């Protein structure tokens, strides 16, 4: 039998360990939980109509335009910007689950860039990695229309963007290389950094993408400024 002091120390260690696990869970974004020392990807909800059979949950109303602040977004008045500028914006410490971070998340942006890679995410989004001429990268995402409610003011645009992408590429669960110029129109969105390939330093994205123009011939260089 172990001496009492060792039993006491062991009990304290167990309590400290449990507190650490609880603290990690409390600091994680909503919908996440600790696993093997890391934070797992966001939870999903089944949807038999979606491409991957699932849709997302985390900040989903903001991602798809069914939040109350969606009316503040003006898709018909996009602002031409650069990846470098968007990546320089200060990210929120705690993005609200059902509201937008203004002005970044209430602004529609147009970005000229190179589409480097793309894939189908587990939540049925198309994840696009885009890069400018200086090597700055960020992520843009096209939701699956099956995961977007008809009440979203972005619904028809998302549907068109997705159809346009499908006409050009076939996204699968593994990254595919594209390396072609694109002009993307989409709404600003702050995601959580969790080691995603191509993620911007502040985790800003275009989400949702509302329009994709492949090999744009007019305007600024498609590699970005």
C-alpha atoms as a PDB file:
ATOM      1  CA  UNK A   1       0.000   0.000   0.000  1.00  0.00           C
ATOM      2  CA  UNK A   2       1.345   3.454  -0.977  1.00  0.00           C
ATOM      3  CA  UNK A   3       2.132   5.932   1.819  1.00  0.00           C
ATOM      4  CA  UNK A   4      -0.634   8.458   2.468  1.00  0.00           C
ATOM      5  CA  UNK A   5       1.435  11.397   1.151  1.00  0.00           C
ATOM      6  CA  UNK A   6       1.749   9.732  -2.272  1.00  0.00           C
ATOM      7  CA  UNK A   7      -1.977   8.994  -2.367  1.00  0.00           C
ATOM      8  CA  UNK A   8      -2.702  12.636  -1.478  1.00  0.00           C
ATOM      9  CA  UNK A   9      -0.336  13.948  -4.170  1.00  0.00           C
ATOM     10  CA  UNK A  10      -1.888  11.605  -6.710  1.00  0.00           C
ATOM     11  CA  UNK A  11      -5.332  12.899  -5.855  1.00  0.00           C
ATOM     12  CA  UNK A  12      -4.214  16.505  -6.256  1.00  0.00           C
ATOM     13  CA  UNK A  13      -2.649  15.706  -9.638  1.00  0.00           C
ATOM     14  CA  UNK A  14      -5.890  14.100 -10.811  1.00  0.00           C
ATOM     15  CA  UNK A  15      -7.888  17.147  -9.735  1.00  0.00           C
ATOM     16  CA  UNK A  16      -5.454  19.528 -11.466  1.00  0.00           C
ATOM     17  CA  UNK A  17      -5.655  17.437 -14.629  1.00  0.00           C
ATOM     18  CA  UNK A  18      -9.447  17.489 -14.587  1.00  0.00           C
ATOM     19  CA  UNK A  19      -9.466  21.251 -14.079  1.00  0.00           C
ATOM     20  CA  UNK A  20      -7.109  21.659 -17.044  1.00  0.00           C
ATOM     21  CA  UNK A  21      -9.409  19.620 -19.286  1.00  0.00           C
ATOM     22  CA  UNK A  22     -12.415  21.684 -18.195  1.00  0.00           C
ATOM     23  CA  UNK A  23     -10.489  24.914 -18.802  1.00  0.00           C
ATOM     24  CA  UNK A  24      -9.491  23.793 -22.292  1.00  0.00           C
ATOM     25  CA  UNK A  25     -13.074  22.913 -23.120  1.00  0.00           C
ATOM     26  CA  UNK A  26     -14.305  26.258 -21.781  1.00  0.00           C
ATOM     27  CA  UNK A  27     -11.800  28.194 -23.897  1.00  0.00           C
ATOM     28  CA  UNK A  28     -12.637  26.329 -27.088  1.00  0.00           C
ATOM     29  CA  UNK A  29     -15.106  27.777 -29.593  1.00  0.00           C
ATOM     30  CA  UNK A  30     -18.723  26.664 -29.361  1.00  0.00           C
ATOM     31  CA  UNK A  31     -19.191  23.253 -30.994  1.00  0.00           C
ATOM     32  CA  UNK A  32     -15.630  22.096 -30.250  1.00  0.00           C
ATOM     33  CA  UNK A  33     -14.221  19.707 -27.662  1.00  0.00           C
ATOM     34  CA  UNK A  34     -10.680  18.658 -26.659  1.00  0.00           C
ATOM     35  CA  UNK A  35      -9.326  15.461 -28.196  1.00  0.00           C
ATOM     36  CA  UNK A  36      -5.756  14.133 -27.980  1.00  0.00           C
ATOM     37  CA  UNK A  37      -4.529  17.548 -26.894  1.00  0.00           C
ATOM     38  CA  UNK A  38      -6.079  19.392 -29.849  1.00  0.00           C
ATOM     39  CA  UNK A  39      -9.388  20.945 -30.779  1.00  0.00           C
ATOM     40  CA  UNK A  40     -11.506  18.900 -33.150  1.00  0.00           C
ATOM     41  CA  UNK A  41     -13.212  20.286 -36.216  1.00  0.00           C
ATOM     42  CA  UNK A  42     -16.648  21.789 -35.799  1.00  0.00           C
ATOM     43  CA  UNK A  43     -19.672  19.595 -35.263  1.00  0.00           C
ATOM     44  CA  UNK A  44     -22.017  18.944 -38.171  1.00  0.00           C
ATOM     45  CA  UNK A  45     -25.665  18.162 -38.677  1.00  0.00           C
ATOM     46  CA  UNK A  46     -26.859  15.410 -41.061  1.00  0.00           C
ATOM     47  CA  UNK A  47     -28.484  16.512 -44.317  1.00  0.00           C
ATOM     48  CA  UNK A  48     -29.137  13.850 -46.926  1.00  0.00           C
ATOM     49  CA  UNK A  49     -29.447  16.481 -49.638  1.00  0.00           C
ATOM     50  CA  UNK A  50     -25.985  17.954 -48.984  1.00  0.00           C
ATOM     51  CA  UNK A  51     -22.988  16.861 -51.043  1.00  0.00           C
ATOM     52  CA  UNK A  52     -21.153  15.245 -48.127  1.00  0.00           C
ATOM     53  CA  UNK A  53     -24.324  14.294 -46.250  1.00  0.00           C
ATOM     54  CA  UNK A  54     -23.764  16.977 -43.616  1.00  0.00           C
ATOM     55  CA  UNK A  55     -23.979  20.731 -43.060  1.00  0.00           C
ATOM     56  CA  UNK A  56     -22.113  22.875 -40.554  1.00  0.00           C
ATOM     57  CA  UNK A  57     -23.270  24.257 -37.210  1.00  0.00           C
ATOM     58  CA  UNK A  58     -20.705  26.765 -35.909  1.00  0.00           C
ATOM     59  CA  UNK A  59     -21.741  30.366 -36.772  1.00  0.00           C
ATOM     60  CA  UNK A  60     -23.756  28.785 -39.562  1.00  0.00           C
ATOM     61  CA  UNK A  61     -26.398  31.510 -39.729  1.00  0.00           C
ATOM     62  CA  UNK A  62     -23.648  34.090 -40.286  1.00  0.00           C
ATOM     63  CA  UNK A  63     -21.914  31.895 -42.859  1.00  0.00           C
ATOM     64  CA  UNK A  64     -25.074  31.464 -44.903  1.00  0.00           C
ATOM     65  CA  UNK A  65     -26.921  34.746 -44.310  1.00  0.00           C
ATOM     66  CA  UNK A  66     -29.810  33.784 -42.057  1.00  0.00           C
ATOM     67  CA  UNK A  67     -28.652  35.899 -39.103  1.00  0.00           C
ATOM     68  CA  UNK A  68     -30.392  39.155 -38.184  1.00  0.00           C
ATOM     69  CA  UNK A  69     -27.394  41.198 -39.356  1.00  0.00           C
ATOM     70  CA  UNK A  70     -27.524  39.812 -42.894  1.00  0.00           C
ATOM     71  CA  UNK A  71     -29.749  42.751 -43.866  1.00  0.00           C
ATOM     72  CA  UNK A  72     -26.744  45.029 -43.247  1.00  0.00           C
ATOM     73  CA  UNK A  73     -24.799  43.328 -46.045  1.00  0.00           C
ATOM     74  CA  UNK A  74     -25.096  44.849 -49.527  1.00  0.00           C
ATOM     75  CA  UNK A  75     -24.118  42.275 -52.174  1.00  0.00           C
ATOM     76  CA  UNK A  76     -24.834  44.745 -54.973  1.00  0.00           C
ATOM     77  CA  UNK A  77     -22.257  47.237 -53.659  1.00  0.00           C
ATOM     78  CA  UNK A  78     -19.051  45.181 -53.310  1.00  0.00           C
ATOM     79  CA  UNK A  79     -15.781  46.805 -52.239  1.00  0.00           C
ATOM     80  CA  UNK A  80     -12.676  45.991 -54.284  1.00  0.00           C
ATOM     81  CA  UNK A  81      -9.945  44.946 -51.864  1.00  0.00           C
ATOM     82  CA  UNK A  82      -6.809  42.826 -51.504  1.00  0.00           C
ATOM     83  CA  UNK A  83      -5.879  39.738 -49.510  1.00  0.00           C
ATOM     84  CA  UNK A  84      -3.156  41.751 -47.755  1.00  0.00           C
ATOM     85  CA  UNK A  85      -5.663  44.326 -46.544  1.00  0.00           C
ATOM     86  CA  UNK A  86      -8.174  41.777 -45.279  1.00  0.00           C
ATOM     87  CA  UNK A  87      -5.423  39.788 -43.556  1.00  0.00           C
ATOM     88  CA  UNK A  88      -4.367  42.958 -41.705  1.00  0.00           C
ATOM     89  CA  UNK A  89      -7.730  43.469 -39.991  1.00  0.00           C
ATOM     90  CA  UNK A  90      -7.869  42.860 -36.253  1.00  0.00           C
ATOM     91  CA  UNK A  91      -9.828  39.659 -35.547  1.00  0.00           C
ATOM     92  CA  UNK A  92     -12.415  39.494 -32.759  1.00  0.00           C
ATOM     93  CA  UNK A  93     -11.359  37.731 -29.575  1.00  0.00           C
ATOM     94  CA  UNK A  94     -14.658  35.856 -29.476  1.00  0.00           C
ATOM     95  CA  UNK A  95     -16.697  35.907 -32.707  1.00  0.00           C
ATOM     96  CA  UNK A  96     -20.404  36.055 -31.779  1.00  0.00           C
ATOM     97  CA  UNK A  97     -22.326  32.910 -32.625  1.00  0.00           C
ATOM     98  CA  UNK A  98     -25.326  34.617 -34.209  1.00  0.00           C
ATOM     99  CA  UNK A  99     -24.171  38.151 -35.029  1.00  0.00           C
ATOM    100  CA  UNK A 100     -21.675  39.808 -37.357  1.00  0.00           C
ATOM    101  CA  UNK A 101     -18.420  41.586 -36.561  1.00  0.00           C
ATOM    102  CA  UNK A 102     -18.762  44.989 -38.195  1.00  0.00           C
ATOM    103  CA  UNK A 103     -17.638  46.259 -40.611  1.00  0.00           C
ATOM    104  CA  UNK A 104     -15.688  43.285 -41.988  1.00  0.00           C
ATOM    105  CA  UNK A 105     -18.565  40.801 -41.787  1.00  0.00           C
ATOM    106  CA  UNK A 106     -21.164  43.219 -43.146  1.00  0.00           C
ATOM    107  CA  UNK A 107     -19.098  44.066 -46.234  1.00  0.00           C
ATOM    108  CA  UNK A 108     -19.083  42.331 -49.598  1.00  0.00           C
ATOM    109  CA  UNK A 109     -15.599  42.232 -51.111  1.00  0.00           C
ATOM    110  CA  UNK A 110     -14.183  41.620 -54.577  1.00  0.00           C
ATOM    111  CA  UNK A 111     -10.753  39.974 -54.634  1.00  0.00           C
ATOM    112  CA  UNK A 112      -8.520  39.248 -57.630  1.00  0.00           C
ATOM    113  CA  UNK A 113      -6.221  36.347 -56.822  1.00  0.00           C
ATOM    114  CA  UNK A 114      -4.917  32.985 -57.913  1.00  0.00           C
ATOM    115  CA  UNK A 115      -7.016  29.963 -57.005  1.00  0.00           C
ATOM    116  CA  UNK A 116      -4.298  27.645 -55.735  1.00  0.00           C
ATOM    117  CA  UNK A 117      -6.221  24.620 -54.440  1.00  0.00           C
ATOM    118  CA  UNK A 118      -9.758  23.560 -53.628  1.00  0.00           C
ATOM    119  CA  UNK A 119     -11.605  20.709 -51.937  1.00  0.00           C
ATOM    120  CA  UNK A 120     -14.946  19.542 -50.564  1.00  0.00           C
ATOM    121  CA  UNK A 121     -15.195  19.979 -46.789  1.00  0.00           C
ATOM    122  CA  UNK A 122     -17.023  17.637 -44.436  1.00  0.00           C
ATOM    123  CA  UNK A 123     -19.706  20.322 -43.926  1.00  0.00           C
ATOM    124  CA  UNK A 124     -20.301  20.301 -47.735  1.00  0.00           C
ATOM    125  CA  UNK A 125     -18.612  23.682 -48.308  1.00  0.00           C
ATOM    126  CA  UNK A 126     -16.118  24.065 -51.133  1.00  0.00           C
ATOM    127  CA  UNK A 127     -12.918  25.332 -49.521  1.00  0.00           C
ATOM    128  CA  UNK A 128     -10.804  27.466 -51.856  1.00  0.00           C
ATOM    129  CA  UNK A 129      -7.239  28.558 -51.096  1.00  0.00           C
ATOM    130  CA  UNK A 130      -6.413  31.807 -52.856  1.00  0.00           C
ATOM    131  CA  UNK A 131      -3.087  33.667 -53.093  1.00  0.00           C
ATOM    132  CA  UNK A 132      -1.934  37.104 -54.244  1.00  0.00           C
ATOM    133  CA  UNK A 133       1.228  38.067 -56.134  1.00  0.00           C
ATOM    134  CA  UNK A 134       3.116  38.557 -52.853  1.00  0.00           C
ATOM    135  CA  UNK A 135       2.375  35.110 -51.456  1.00  0.00           C
ATOM    136  CA  UNK A 136      -0.396  36.168 -49.066  1.00  0.00           C
ATOM    137  CA  UNK A 137      -3.078  33.492 -48.790  1.00  0.00           C
ATOM    138  CA  UNK A 138      -6.561  33.192 -47.372  1.00  0.00           C
ATOM    139  CA  UNK A 139      -9.558  30.893 -47.600  1.00  0.00           C
ATOM    140  CA  UNK A 140     -12.825  31.418 -49.443  1.00  0.00           C
ATOM    141  CA  UNK A 141     -15.791  29.067 -49.113  1.00  0.00           C
ATOM    142  CA  UNK A 142     -18.820  28.289 -51.267  1.00  0.00           C
ATOM    143  CA  UNK A 143     -21.574  26.676 -49.181  1.00  0.00           C
ATOM    144  CA  UNK A 144     -23.715  23.879 -50.515  1.00  0.00           C
ATOM    145  CA  UNK A 145     -27.102  25.375 -51.505  1.00  0.00           C
ATOM    146  CA  UNK A 146     -28.727  22.423 -49.717  1.00  0.00           C
ATOM    147  CA  UNK A 147     -27.285  23.836 -46.478  1.00  0.00           C
ATOM    148  CA  UNK A 148     -28.607  27.369 -47.096  1.00  0.00           C
ATOM    149  CA  UNK A 149     -32.136  28.307 -46.072  1.00  0.00           C
ATOM    150  CA  UNK A 150     -34.354  29.873 -48.723  1.00  0.00           C
ATOM    151  CA  UNK A 151     -34.788  32.899 -46.437  1.00  0.00           C
ATOM    152  CA  UNK A 152     -31.126  33.847 -46.914  1.00  0.00           C
ATOM    153  CA  UNK A 153     -30.693  36.945 -49.118  1.00  0.00           C
ATOM    154  CA  UNK A 154     -27.586  35.228 -50.488  1.00  0.00           C
ATOM    155  CA  UNK A 155     -29.296  31.960 -51.476  1.00  0.00           C
ATOM    156  CA  UNK A 156     -29.584  32.538 -55.224  1.00  0.00           C
ATOM    157  CA  UNK A 157     -26.071  33.958 -55.486  1.00  0.00           C
ATOM    158  CA  UNK A 158     -24.587  31.042 -53.568  1.00  0.00           C
ATOM    159  CA  UNK A 159     -26.460  28.664 -55.861  1.00  0.00           C
ATOM    160  CA  UNK A 160     -25.057  30.417 -58.938  1.00  0.00           C
ATOM    161  CA  UNK A 161     -21.524  30.488 -57.539  1.00  0.00           C
ATOM    162  CA  UNK A 162     -21.669  26.805 -56.714  1.00  0.00           C
ATOM    163  CA  UNK A 163     -23.058  25.926 -60.154  1.00  0.00           C
ATOM    164  CA  UNK A 164     -20.384  28.009 -61.850  1.00  0.00           C
ATOM    165  CA  UNK A 165     -17.657  26.255 -59.884  1.00  0.00           C
ATOM    166  CA  UNK A 166     -19.138  22.838 -60.659  1.00  0.00           C
ATOM    167  CA  UNK A 167     -19.126  23.673 -64.359  1.00  0.00           C
ATOM    168  CA  UNK A 168     -15.366  24.140 -64.183  1.00  0.00           C
ATOM    169  CA  UNK A 169     -14.097  21.784 -61.466  1.00  0.00           C
ATOM    170  CA  UNK A 170     -15.083  18.652 -59.575  1.00  0.00           C
ATOM    171  CA  UNK A 171     -14.317  19.047 -55.877  1.00  0.00           C
ATOM    172  CA  UNK A 172     -13.553  15.966 -53.772  1.00  0.00           C
ATOM    173  CA  UNK A 173     -12.480  15.485 -50.152  1.00  0.00           C
ATOM    174  CA  UNK A 174      -8.803  15.863 -51.068  1.00  0.00           C
ATOM    175  CA  UNK A 175      -7.180  19.083 -52.213  1.00  0.00           C
ATOM    176  CA  UNK A 176      -6.808  19.531 -55.972  1.00  0.00           C
ATOM    177  CA  UNK A 177      -4.508  22.026 -57.663  1.00  0.00           C
ATOM    178  CA  UNK A 178      -5.916  24.741 -59.923  1.00  0.00           C
ATOM    179  CA  UNK A 179      -3.430  27.644 -60.139  1.00  0.00           C
ATOM    180  CA  UNK A 180      -5.655  29.871 -62.283  1.00  0.00           C
ATOM    181  CA  UNK A 181      -6.635  33.538 -61.926  1.00  0.00           C
ATOM    182  CA  UNK A 182     -10.033  34.182 -60.352  1.00  0.00           C
ATOM    183  CA  UNK A 183     -12.104  37.126 -59.272  1.00  0.00           C
ATOM    184  CA  UNK A 184     -14.157  36.248 -56.201  1.00  0.00           C
ATOM    185  CA  UNK A 185     -17.023  38.211 -54.720  1.00  0.00           C
ATOM    186  CA  UNK A 186     -17.984  37.279 -51.193  1.00  0.00           C
ATOM    187  CA  UNK A 187     -18.830  38.420 -47.680  1.00  0.00           C
ATOM    188  CA  UNK A 188     -16.139  38.873 -45.039  1.00  0.00           C
ATOM    189  CA  UNK A 189     -16.113  36.290 -42.259  1.00  0.00           C
ATOM    190  CA  UNK A 190     -13.822  35.571 -39.294  1.00  0.00           C
ATOM    191  CA  UNK A 191     -13.243  31.872 -38.714  1.00  0.00           C
ATOM    192  CA  UNK A 192     -11.236  30.185 -35.957  1.00  0.00           C
ATOM    193  CA  UNK A 193      -7.588  29.339 -36.659  1.00  0.00           C
ATOM    194  CA  UNK A 194      -7.017  25.607 -36.361  1.00  0.00           C
ATOM    195  CA  UNK A 195      -4.188  24.982 -38.760  1.00  0.00           C
ATOM    196  CA  UNK A 196      -6.207  25.101 -41.979  1.00  0.00           C
ATOM    197  CA  UNK A 197      -4.006  25.138 -45.099  1.00  0.00           C
ATOM    198  CA  UNK A 198      -3.841  28.645 -46.535  1.00  0.00           C
ATOM    199  CA  UNK A 199      -5.572  30.320 -43.584  1.00  0.00           C
ATOM    200  CA  UNK A 200      -4.947  34.065 -43.197  1.00  0.00           C
ATOM    201  CA  UNK A 201      -3.120  35.226 -40.039  1.00  0.00           C
ATOM    202  CA  UNK A 202      -6.406  36.595 -38.657  1.00  0.00           C
ATOM    203  CA  UNK A 203      -8.472  33.706 -40.078  1.00  0.00           C
ATOM    204  CA  UNK A 204     -10.578  36.030 -42.223  1.00  0.00           C
ATOM    205  CA  UNK A 205     -12.337  34.425 -45.182  1.00  0.00           C
ATOM    206  CA  UNK A 206     -14.799  35.179 -47.920  1.00  0.00           C
ATOM    207  CA  UNK A 207     -17.748  33.166 -46.648  1.00  0.00           C
ATOM    208  CA  UNK A 208     -20.011  32.835 -48.444  1.00  0.00           C
ATOM    209  CA  UNK A 209     -18.598  33.314 -51.925  1.00  0.00           C
ATOM    210  CA  UNK A 210     -21.334  34.893 -54.034  1.00  0.00           C
ATOM    211  CA  UNK A 211     -19.665  34.927 -57.451  1.00  0.00           C
ATOM    212  CA  UNK A 212     -16.688  33.295 -59.163  1.00  0.00           C
ATOM    213  CA  UNK A 213     -15.153  34.681 -62.329  1.00  0.00           C
ATOM    214  CA  UNK A 214     -12.479  32.408 -63.801  1.00  0.00           C
ATOM    215  CA  UNK A 215      -9.599  33.975 -65.749  1.00  0.00           C
ATOM    216  CA  UNK A 216     -10.893  37.563 -65.451  1.00  0.00           C
ATOM    217  CA  UNK A 217      -9.621  39.677 -68.322  1.00  0.00           C
ATOM    218  CA  UNK A 218     -10.575  43.149 -67.076  1.00  0.00           C
ATOM    219  CA  UNK A 219      -9.539  45.251 -64.106  1.00  0.00           C
ATOM    220  CA  UNK A 220      -6.555  44.711 -61.902  1.00  0.00           C
ATOM    221  CA  UNK A 221      -4.084  41.877 -62.247  1.00  0.00           C
ATOM    222  CA  UNK A 222      -5.710  38.592 -61.302  1.00  0.00           C
ATOM    223  CA  UNK A 223      -2.739  37.836 -59.080  1.00  0.00           C
ATOM    224  CA  UNK A 224      -3.745  40.666 -56.733  1.00  0.00           C
ATOM    225  CA  UNK A 225      -2.019  43.854 -55.707  1.00  0.00           C
END
